[in-house]
Protein backbone atom coordinates (compact mmCIF):
# COMPACT_ATOMS: atom_id res chain seq x y z
CA MET A 1 73.67 212.90 100.15
CA ASN A 2 73.67 212.70 96.36
CA ASN A 3 76.68 211.90 94.16
CA ILE A 4 78.41 209.51 96.55
CA PRO A 5 81.76 208.21 95.24
CA ASN A 6 81.64 204.56 94.28
CA HIS A 7 85.30 204.00 95.22
CA VAL A 8 87.24 205.96 97.84
CA ALA A 9 91.00 205.42 98.27
CA ILE A 10 92.83 206.68 101.36
CA ILE A 11 96.49 207.29 102.14
CA MET A 12 96.36 207.03 105.92
CA ASP A 13 99.31 209.26 106.73
CA GLY A 14 100.44 210.78 110.03
CA ASN A 15 100.25 207.88 112.47
CA GLY A 16 103.88 208.10 113.55
CA ARG A 17 103.90 211.89 113.79
CA TRP A 18 100.69 211.81 115.83
CA ALA A 19 102.32 209.45 118.32
CA LYS A 20 105.53 211.49 118.43
CA SER A 21 103.55 214.66 119.18
CA LYS A 22 102.21 212.91 122.27
CA GLY A 23 105.56 211.51 123.36
CA LEU A 24 104.54 207.97 122.43
CA PRO A 25 106.27 205.32 120.28
CA ARG A 26 105.29 205.37 116.61
CA THR A 27 103.63 201.97 117.03
CA PHE A 28 100.97 203.57 119.24
CA GLY A 29 100.02 205.77 116.31
CA HIS A 30 99.52 202.76 114.07
CA LYS A 31 97.30 201.07 116.68
CA LYS A 32 95.16 204.19 116.91
CA GLY A 33 95.16 204.39 113.13
CA LEU A 34 93.67 200.90 112.88
CA ASP A 35 90.78 201.96 115.12
CA VAL A 36 90.15 204.98 112.89
CA ALA A 37 90.28 202.79 109.77
CA GLU A 38 87.57 200.54 111.19
CA THR A 39 85.42 203.56 112.01
CA ILE A 40 85.84 204.90 108.47
CA ILE A 41 84.95 201.50 106.99
CA ASP A 42 81.76 201.39 109.07
CA TYR A 43 80.78 204.89 108.02
CA SER A 44 81.55 204.14 104.37
CA ILE A 45 79.03 201.32 104.53
CA LYS A 46 76.40 203.67 105.93
CA ALA A 47 77.20 206.28 103.26
CA GLY A 48 76.70 203.76 100.46
CA ILE A 49 80.31 203.61 99.28
CA LYS A 50 80.91 200.26 97.59
CA TYR A 51 84.73 200.17 97.39
CA LEU A 52 87.33 201.44 99.84
CA SER A 53 91.09 201.13 99.26
CA LEU A 54 93.43 201.68 102.21
CA TYR A 55 97.21 202.16 101.92
CA VAL A 56 98.38 199.88 104.72
CA PHE A 57 102.05 199.26 103.87
CA SER A 58 104.00 200.56 100.87
CA THR A 59 107.04 198.97 99.25
CA GLU A 60 108.98 202.00 100.53
CA ASN A 61 107.95 201.30 104.15
CA TRP A 62 110.62 198.57 104.33
CA LYS A 63 113.05 201.43 104.97
CA ARG A 64 111.56 201.91 108.44
CA SER A 65 112.82 200.20 111.59
CA GLN A 66 112.25 196.46 111.93
CA ALA A 67 110.17 197.08 115.03
CA GLU A 68 107.79 199.40 113.18
CA VAL A 69 107.55 197.08 110.17
CA SER A 70 106.74 194.14 112.45
CA ALA A 71 104.13 196.20 114.28
CA LEU A 72 102.42 197.12 111.00
CA PHE A 73 102.23 193.48 109.93
CA THR A 74 100.93 192.46 113.36
CA LEU A 75 98.16 195.04 113.09
CA ALA A 76 97.28 193.82 109.58
CA GLU A 77 96.98 190.28 110.93
CA LYS A 78 94.85 191.53 113.81
CA TYR A 79 92.42 193.16 111.43
CA LEU A 80 92.22 190.09 109.20
CA THR A 81 91.17 187.90 112.14
CA ARG A 82 87.84 189.74 112.52
CA PHE A 83 85.90 187.32 110.37
CA GLU A 84 82.71 187.56 112.44
CA LYS A 85 82.51 191.30 111.79
CA PHE A 86 83.15 190.78 108.09
CA CYS A 87 80.29 188.27 108.01
CA ARG A 88 77.94 190.49 110.00
CA ASN A 89 78.54 193.48 107.74
CA ARG A 90 79.13 191.47 104.54
CA ILE A 91 82.54 193.09 104.03
CA LYS A 92 84.55 191.64 101.15
CA ILE A 93 88.31 191.80 101.64
CA VAL A 94 90.84 191.86 98.81
CA VAL A 95 94.56 192.55 99.11
CA SER A 96 96.77 194.31 96.57
CA GLY A 97 100.54 194.07 96.66
CA GLU A 98 103.56 191.80 96.51
CA ARG A 99 103.75 188.75 98.75
CA GLN A 100 107.52 188.45 98.72
CA GLY A 101 108.86 189.37 102.14
CA LEU A 102 105.55 189.17 103.99
CA PRO A 103 105.36 186.91 107.07
CA ALA A 104 103.96 183.46 106.29
CA SER A 105 101.31 183.90 108.97
CA LEU A 106 100.06 187.10 107.31
CA ILE A 107 99.94 185.46 103.88
CA GLU A 108 97.93 182.60 105.37
CA LYS A 109 95.39 185.02 106.85
CA ILE A 110 95.19 186.96 103.58
CA ASP A 111 94.40 183.80 101.64
CA TYR A 112 91.83 182.67 104.20
CA ILE A 113 89.92 185.93 104.51
CA GLN A 114 89.87 186.62 100.75
CA LYS A 115 88.38 183.19 100.14
CA ARG A 116 85.84 183.38 102.98
CA THR A 117 84.59 186.87 102.08
CA ALA A 118 84.66 186.49 98.28
CA ASP A 119 80.85 186.46 97.94
CA PHE A 120 80.11 189.39 100.30
CA ASP A 121 78.65 192.42 98.59
CA CYS A 122 78.04 195.25 101.09
CA ILE A 123 81.44 196.87 100.59
CA CYS A 124 84.77 195.74 99.16
CA VAL A 125 87.78 196.79 101.24
CA ASN A 126 91.02 196.70 99.27
CA LEU A 127 93.99 196.51 101.63
CA CYS A 128 97.17 197.65 99.89
CA ILE A 129 99.92 195.72 101.68
CA ASN A 130 103.52 195.74 100.40
CA TYR A 131 102.08 197.78 97.57
CA GLY A 132 103.86 200.01 95.06
CA SER A 133 102.04 201.31 92.01
CA GLN A 134 105.12 201.54 89.79
CA THR A 135 105.86 197.85 90.37
CA GLU A 136 102.22 196.98 89.74
CA ILE A 137 102.21 198.87 86.42
CA ALA A 138 105.54 197.43 85.28
CA GLN A 139 104.43 193.87 86.02
CA ALA A 140 101.07 194.45 84.34
CA ALA A 141 102.79 195.81 81.22
CA GLU A 142 105.14 192.83 81.13
CA LYS A 143 102.20 190.40 81.33
CA ALA A 144 100.32 192.37 78.68
CA ALA A 145 103.31 192.18 76.32
CA LEU A 146 103.46 188.41 76.73
CA GLN A 147 99.76 188.25 75.90
CA GLY A 148 100.26 190.14 72.65
CA ALA A 149 99.88 193.89 73.04
CA ILE A 150 100.48 196.66 75.56
CA THR A 151 97.40 198.88 75.71
CA VAL A 152 95.66 200.81 78.45
CA GLU A 153 93.06 198.05 78.65
CA SER A 154 95.57 195.19 78.69
CA ILE A 155 97.52 196.86 81.49
CA ARG A 156 94.31 197.41 83.45
CA ASN A 157 93.40 193.74 83.03
CA ASN A 158 96.71 192.68 84.55
CA LEU A 159 96.70 194.82 87.69
CA TYR A 160 96.62 193.14 91.12
CA ASN A 161 92.81 193.32 91.33
CA PRO A 162 91.52 194.21 87.85
CA SER A 163 87.88 193.86 88.85
CA LEU A 164 88.11 196.91 91.13
CA PRO A 165 86.80 200.12 89.56
CA SER A 166 89.07 203.15 89.45
CA PRO A 167 88.91 205.39 92.53
CA ASP A 168 86.57 208.35 92.28
CA LEU A 169 88.16 210.08 95.26
CA VAL A 170 91.66 209.84 96.75
CA ILE A 171 92.13 211.24 100.26
CA ARG A 172 95.49 211.83 101.91
CA THR A 173 95.79 212.87 105.53
CA GLY A 174 98.89 214.12 107.34
CA GLY A 175 99.71 217.29 105.41
CA GLN A 176 101.67 215.88 102.46
CA LYS A 177 100.39 216.63 98.96
CA ARG A 178 101.55 213.70 96.87
CA LEU A 179 100.32 210.21 95.95
CA SER A 180 103.45 208.36 97.12
CA ASN A 181 103.25 205.52 94.59
CA PHE A 182 99.59 204.77 95.40
CA LEU A 183 97.17 203.65 92.67
CA LEU A 184 98.86 205.84 90.05
CA PHE A 185 97.35 204.09 87.03
CA GLN A 186 93.90 203.78 88.58
CA SER A 187 93.74 207.39 89.82
CA ALA A 188 94.22 209.09 86.44
CA TYR A 189 90.88 210.90 86.79
CA ALA A 190 90.27 210.65 90.53
CA GLU A 191 89.35 213.71 92.53
CA LEU A 192 92.09 214.47 95.08
CA TYR A 193 91.69 215.76 98.64
CA PHE A 194 94.61 216.60 100.93
CA CYS A 195 94.28 217.61 104.57
CA ASP A 196 96.68 218.42 107.42
CA THR A 197 94.88 216.16 109.91
CA PHE A 198 96.96 213.24 111.17
CA TRP A 199 95.17 209.97 110.42
CA PRO A 200 94.51 209.11 114.12
CA ASN A 201 92.61 212.42 114.38
CA PHE A 202 90.61 211.94 111.17
CA SER A 203 86.98 211.99 112.25
CA ILE A 204 83.63 211.01 110.79
CA ASP A 205 82.75 214.70 110.63
CA GLU A 206 85.81 215.48 108.51
CA TYR A 207 85.22 212.45 106.32
CA ASN A 208 81.64 213.52 105.77
CA SER A 209 82.83 217.03 104.87
CA VAL A 210 85.17 215.54 102.26
CA LEU A 211 82.32 213.50 100.80
CA MET A 212 80.12 216.59 100.66
CA GLU A 213 82.87 218.54 98.87
CA TYR A 214 83.23 215.69 96.40
CA ALA A 215 79.48 215.77 95.77
CA ASP A 216 79.77 219.42 94.71
CA ARG A 217 82.54 218.80 92.19
CA THR A 218 81.86 218.37 88.48
CA ARG A 219 83.81 215.58 86.81
CA THR A 220 84.25 215.96 83.05
CA PHE A 221 86.96 213.34 82.36
CA GLY A 222 88.46 215.71 79.80
CA GLY A 223 85.13 216.60 78.18
CA ILE A 224 82.94 219.68 78.28
CA VAL A 225 79.95 220.32 80.54
CA ASP A 226 77.09 222.65 79.52
CA GLY A 227 79.05 223.97 76.54
CA GLN A 228 81.85 225.46 78.66
């Protein structure tokens, strides 16, 4: 496939509703969602995608029950313990978001895995944990002002992970058609794809269809193509 996106960002929505539709606790949906995320990461590697951002936990998710919040953090820790797989597939892990409020054990695993995978180059997986784009932009602007000037470039240089390229494609599952405070600055010119599929049902076939649709789109970034 030609014209593969360099950076795909995914809002993995619908885990809780998927579980509810099956008469299961919402936490079962998140467990299934983790399995799907790993499958999508593996396929992204095969497809040649170099960066993949996943919306794991938003700053608004603190409004959910303590049990669900704890379950989400437990699953994040579970994923971060898979160092052997990261080594085998040369997966680099970075984390975007605020540390305040996160369990100490999760912060410890974040620090460890970011350090141990820093030199891997097959794919970079950006886990957005306790992430809110408005907070990220506000903090970046504040730092830029202290450095002398607030510009688009100075804000970009002060984001959580400024070395990450902007997403080429943002996917949201679960039927909602909004970005929900996810990579707002970075996604200014991203192609957007919304689908009704709950994240636990998001398959390789559907993902591949999204990538094929992206490949057929023409991105002008505000310019003109072929004199049109």
